[in-house]
C-alpha atoms as a PDB file:
ATOM      1  CA  MET A   1      54.318 -46.859 -17.053  1.00  0.00           C
ATOM      2  CA  LEU A   2      53.381 -47.292 -20.719  1.00  0.00           C
ATOM      3  CA  GLY A   3      50.257 -49.263 -21.623  1.00  0.00           C
ATOM      4  CA  SER A   4      52.605 -51.619 -23.484  1.00  0.00           C
ATOM      5  CA  LEU A   5      56.077 -51.550 -24.984  1.00  0.00           C
ATOM      6  CA  GLY A   6      57.165 -54.038 -27.640  1.00  0.00           C
ATOM      7  CA  LYS A   7      60.465 -55.843 -28.054  1.00  0.00           C
ATOM      8  CA  SER A   8      63.507 -54.236 -29.690  1.00  0.00           C
ATOM      9  CA  THR A   9      62.056 -50.746 -29.385  1.00  0.00           C
ATOM     10  CA  GLY A  10      64.350 -47.749 -28.909  1.00  0.00           C
ATOM     11  CA  ILE A  11      63.199 -44.565 -27.178  1.00  0.00           C
ATOM     12  CA  LEU A  12      65.895 -41.901 -27.044  1.00  0.00           C
ATOM     13  CA  MET A  13      66.507 -39.448 -24.225  1.00  0.00           C
ATOM     14  CA  GLY A  14      64.388 -36.320 -24.211  1.00  0.00           C
ATOM     15  CA  VAL A  15      61.135 -37.991 -25.285  1.00  0.00           C
ATOM     16  CA  GLU A  16      58.172 -36.463 -23.410  1.00  0.00           C
ATOM     17  CA  VAL A  17      55.319 -38.806 -22.493  1.00  0.00           C
ATOM     18  CA  ARG A  18      51.944 -37.556 -21.240  1.00  0.00           C
ATOM     19  CA  LYS A  19      49.574 -40.095 -19.605  1.00  0.00           C
ATOM     20  CA  PRO A  20      51.727 -43.106 -20.492  1.00  0.00           C
ATOM     21  CA  GLY A  21      49.069 -45.683 -19.551  1.00  0.00           C
ATOM     22  CA  ASN A  22      47.198 -44.762 -22.759  1.00  0.00           C
ATOM     23  CA  ILE A  23      50.241 -45.262 -24.998  1.00  0.00           C
ATOM     24  CA  PHE A  24      50.812 -48.654 -26.656  1.00  0.00           C
ATOM     25  CA  ILE A  25      53.996 -49.192 -28.687  1.00  0.00           C
ATOM     26  CA  GLY A  26      54.727 -52.211 -30.890  1.00  0.00           C
ATOM     27  CA  ASN A  27      57.924 -54.095 -31.727  1.00  0.00           C
ATOM     28  CA  ASN A  28      60.977 -52.687 -33.526  1.00  0.00           C
ATOM     29  CA  VAL A  29      59.913 -49.060 -33.085  1.00  0.00           C
ATOM     30  CA  SER A  30      62.368 -46.154 -33.137  1.00  0.00           C
ATOM     31  CA  ILE A  31      61.375 -42.954 -31.317  1.00  0.00           C
ATOM     32  CA  ASN A  32      63.986 -40.219 -31.570  1.00  0.00           C
ATOM     33  CA  ARG A  33      64.895 -37.347 -29.270  1.00  0.00           C
ATOM     34  CA  LYS A  34      62.482 -34.557 -28.353  1.00  0.00           C
ATOM     35  CA  VAL A  35      59.387 -36.452 -29.534  1.00  0.00           C
ATOM     36  CA  LEU A  36      56.161 -35.755 -27.620  1.00  0.00           C
ATOM     37  CA  LEU A  37      53.744 -38.666 -27.122  1.00  0.00           C
ATOM     38  CA  ASP A  38      50.383 -37.543 -25.712  1.00  0.00           C
ATOM     39  CA  GLY A  39      47.912 -40.033 -24.246  1.00  0.00           C
ATOM     40  CA  ARG A  40      45.716 -37.570 -22.325  1.00  0.00           C
ATOM     41  CA  GLY A  41      42.808 -37.380 -24.795  1.00  0.00           C
ATOM     42  CA  GLY A  42      42.630 -41.007 -25.898  1.00  0.00           C
ATOM     43  CA  LYS A  43      44.781 -43.963 -26.786  1.00  0.00           C
ATOM     44  CA  LEU A  44      47.948 -43.604 -28.833  1.00  0.00           C
ATOM     45  CA  LEU A  45      48.526 -46.875 -30.698  1.00  0.00           C
ATOM     46  CA  ILE A  46      51.872 -47.261 -32.480  1.00  0.00           C
ATOM     47  CA  GLY A  47      52.336 -50.399 -34.596  1.00  0.00           C
ATOM     48  CA  ASN A  48      55.445 -52.433 -35.416  1.00  0.00           C
ATOM     49  CA  ASN A  49      58.486 -51.144 -37.331  1.00  0.00           C
ATOM     50  CA  VAL A  50      57.457 -47.509 -36.952  1.00  0.00           C
ATOM     51  CA  ASP A  51      60.148 -44.828 -37.273  1.00  0.00           C
ATOM     52  CA  ILE A  52      59.399 -41.485 -35.581  1.00  0.00           C
ATOM     53  CA  ALA A  53      62.065 -38.827 -36.160  1.00  0.00           C
ATOM     54  CA  GLN A  54      63.136 -36.074 -33.790  1.00  0.00           C
ATOM     55  CA  GLU A  55      60.965 -33.186 -32.616  1.00  0.00           C
ATOM     56  CA  THR A  56      57.674 -34.774 -33.731  1.00  0.00           C
ATOM     57  CA  ASN A  57      54.540 -34.076 -31.654  1.00  0.00           C
ATOM     58  CA  ILE A  58      51.728 -36.647 -31.562  1.00  0.00           C
ATOM     59  CA  TRP A  59      48.595 -35.288 -29.859  1.00  0.00           C
ATOM     60  CA  THR A  60      45.443 -37.028 -28.624  1.00  0.00           C
ATOM     61  CA  LEU A  61      44.134 -33.852 -26.960  1.00  0.00           C
ATOM     62  CA  GLU A  62      43.442 -30.376 -28.353  1.00  0.00           C
ATOM     63  CA  HIS A  63      41.283 -27.328 -27.659  1.00  0.00           C
ATOM     64  CA  ASP A  64      38.021 -26.797 -29.530  1.00  0.00           C
ATOM     65  CA  VAL A  65      38.515 -23.495 -31.389  1.00  0.00           C
ATOM     66  CA  HIS A  66      34.732 -23.084 -31.726  1.00  0.00           C
ATOM     67  CA  ASP A  67      33.937 -23.544 -28.033  1.00  0.00           C
ATOM     68  CA  ASP A  68      33.169 -20.419 -25.986  1.00  0.00           C
ATOM     69  CA  TYR A  69      35.067 -21.867 -23.013  1.00  0.00           C
ATOM     70  CA  HIS A  70      38.175 -23.180 -24.792  1.00  0.00           C
ATOM     71  CA  THR A  71      37.168 -26.742 -23.892  1.00  0.00           C
ATOM     72  CA  SER A  72      39.524 -29.615 -24.599  1.00  0.00           C
ATOM     73  CA  LYS A  73      38.525 -32.524 -26.804  1.00  0.00           C
ATOM     74  CA  GLY A  74      40.353 -35.753 -27.427  1.00  0.00           C
ATOM     75  CA  ALA A  75      40.485 -38.718 -29.770  1.00  0.00           C
ATOM     76  CA  ASP A  76      42.637 -41.786 -30.368  1.00  0.00           C
ATOM     77  CA  VAL A  77      45.589 -41.724 -32.752  1.00  0.00           C
ATOM     78  CA  VAL A  78      46.536 -44.914 -34.621  1.00  0.00           C
ATOM     79  CA  ILE A  79      49.872 -45.294 -36.387  1.00  0.00           C
ATOM     80  CA  GLU A  80      49.913 -48.577 -38.295  1.00  0.00           C
ATOM     81  CA  ASP A  81      52.917 -50.827 -39.056  1.00  0.00           C
ATOM     82  CA  TYR A  82      55.870 -49.578 -41.132  1.00  0.00           C
ATOM     83  CA  VAL A  83      54.947 -45.894 -40.898  1.00  0.00           C
ATOM     84  CA  TRP A  84      57.836 -43.443 -41.177  1.00  0.00           C
ATOM     85  CA  ILE A  85      57.264 -40.000 -39.660  1.00  0.00           C
ATOM     86  CA  ALA A  86      60.094 -37.625 -40.567  1.00  0.00           C
ATOM     87  CA  SER A  87      61.380 -34.831 -38.328  1.00  0.00           C
ATOM     88  CA  ARG A  88      59.338 -31.995 -36.852  1.00  0.00           C
ATOM     89  CA  CYS A  89      55.888 -33.309 -37.789  1.00  0.00           C
ATOM     90  CA  THR A  90      52.656 -32.724 -35.895  1.00  0.00           C
ATOM     91  CA  ILE A  91      49.998 -35.440 -35.733  1.00  0.00           C
ATOM     92  CA  LEU A  92      46.608 -34.206 -34.476  1.00  0.00           C
ATOM     93  CA  PRO A  93      43.926 -36.125 -32.509  1.00  0.00           C
ATOM     94  CA  GLY A  94      41.648 -38.591 -34.267  1.00  0.00           C
ATOM     95  CA  VAL A  95      44.102 -39.451 -37.050  1.00  0.00           C
ATOM     96  CA  ARG A  96      44.901 -42.914 -38.436  1.00  0.00           C
ATOM     97  CA  ILE A  97      48.101 -43.223 -40.471  1.00  0.00           C
ATOM     98  CA  GLY A  98      47.881 -46.273 -42.739  1.00  0.00           C
ATOM     99  CA  ARG A  99      50.395 -49.100 -43.042  1.00  0.00           C
ATOM    100  CA  GLY A 100      53.605 -48.096 -44.787  1.00  0.00           C
ATOM    101  CA  ALA A 101      52.746 -44.401 -45.123  1.00  0.00           C
ATOM    102  CA  VAL A 102      55.505 -41.780 -44.986  1.00  0.00           C
ATOM    103  CA  VAL A 103      54.987 -38.315 -43.496  1.00  0.00           C
ATOM    104  CA  ALA A 104      57.487 -35.759 -44.860  1.00  0.00           C
ATOM    105  CA  SER A 105      59.374 -33.398 -42.538  1.00  0.00           C
ATOM    106  CA  ASN A 106      57.504 -30.433 -41.041  1.00  0.00           C
ATOM    107  CA  SER A 107      54.072 -31.763 -42.045  1.00  0.00           C
ATOM    108  CA  VAL A 108      50.865 -31.361 -40.041  1.00  0.00           C
ATOM    109  CA  VAL A 109      48.573 -34.392 -40.248  1.00  0.00           C
ATOM    110  CA  THR A 110      44.951 -33.319 -39.693  1.00  0.00           C
ATOM    111  CA  LYS A 111      43.084 -36.275 -41.220  1.00  0.00           C
ATOM    112  CA  ASP A 112      43.508 -39.984 -41.947  1.00  0.00           C
ATOM    113  CA  ILE A 113      46.341 -41.028 -44.257  1.00  0.00           C
ATOM    114  CA  PRO A 114      45.827 -44.070 -46.527  1.00  0.00           C
ATOM    115  CA  PRO A 115      48.343 -46.945 -46.574  1.00  0.00           C
ATOM    116  CA  MET A 116      51.485 -46.787 -48.740  1.00  0.00           C
ATOM    117  CA  VAL A 117      51.364 -43.082 -49.606  1.00  0.00           C
ATOM    118  CA  ILE A 118      53.797 -40.244 -49.007  1.00  0.00           C
ATOM    119  CA  VAL A 119      52.253 -37.092 -47.563  1.00  0.00           C
ATOM    120  CA  GLY A 120      53.660 -33.646 -46.934  1.00  0.00           C
ATOM    121  CA  GLY A 121      52.692 -30.076 -46.208  1.00  0.00           C
ATOM    122  CA  ILE A 122      50.418 -28.064 -43.956  1.00  0.00           C
ATOM    123  CA  PRO A 123      47.938 -29.638 -43.905  1.00  0.00           C
ATOM    124  CA  ALA A 124      49.501 -32.892 -45.110  1.00  0.00           C
ATOM    125  CA  ARG A 125      48.309 -34.104 -48.510  1.00  0.00           C
ATOM    126  CA  ILE A 126      49.353 -36.974 -50.769  1.00  0.00           C
ATOM    127  CA  ILE A 127      52.487 -36.168 -52.767  1.00  0.00           C
ATOM    128  CA  GLY A 128      53.527 -39.669 -53.837  1.00  0.00           C
ATOM    129  CA  GLU A 129      53.281 -43.419 -53.370  1.00  0.00           C
ATOM    130  CA  ARG A 130      55.594 -45.772 -51.503  1.00  0.00           C
ATOM    131  CA  LYS A 131      56.674 -48.773 -53.554  1.00  0.00           C
ATOM    132  CA  SER A 132      58.676 -50.743 -50.956  1.00  0.00           C
ATOM    133  CA  LYS A 133      57.615 -54.296 -50.077  1.00  0.00           C
ATOM    134  CA  LEU A 134      58.239 -53.466 -46.384  1.00  0.00           C
ATOM    135  CA  LYS A 135      60.252 -56.536 -45.416  1.00  0.00           C
ATOM    136  CA  TYR A 136      62.501 -54.847 -42.867  1.00  0.00           C
ATOM    137  CA  ASN A 137      62.644 -54.886 -39.080  1.00  0.00           C
ATOM    138  CA  LEU A 138      63.840 -51.618 -37.594  1.00  0.00           C
ATOM    139  CA  THR A 139      66.744 -51.859 -35.195  1.00  0.00           C
ATOM    140  CA  HIS A 140      67.818 -49.171 -32.780  1.00  0.00           C
ATOM    141  CA  ARG A 141      71.335 -47.983 -33.586  1.00  0.00           C
ATOM    142  CA  PRO A 142      72.976 -45.965 -30.815  1.00  0.00           C
ATOM    143  CA  TRP A 143      74.897 -42.895 -31.942  1.00  0.00           C
ATOM    144  CA  PHE A 144      78.670 -43.332 -32.292  1.00  0.00           C
ATOM    145  CA  GLN A 145      78.382 -47.112 -32.431  1.00  0.00           C
END
């Protein structure tokens, strides 16, 4: 069972959840198919009106590449309100994505992202600013409605 699940949140089939008790999801969140939500290494906190597109992986646990014994290390991930994560992104442990930020498709987020910016690339870097006033509430729209 998830740590918490907000109202009007849509989680599509095929989403993989690891250690759900450490995953907290806000209101009006859309999580598309084949997304991986990992709570094994720390808490995964997802705010309100967050849109996570298909095939995105959000990790709270990773291996230490400098450790002789391939030890795992973990850290919380925080995704603030109104974040939009486009398809096939990877979010690594210890990252905070600021309110209203957009992560472009196929990006790898390795460090904190400030609010209201657009990031892209490997590793993700700022490529623009978001100018929206963020007044919307996401609603889950089933396919073929």
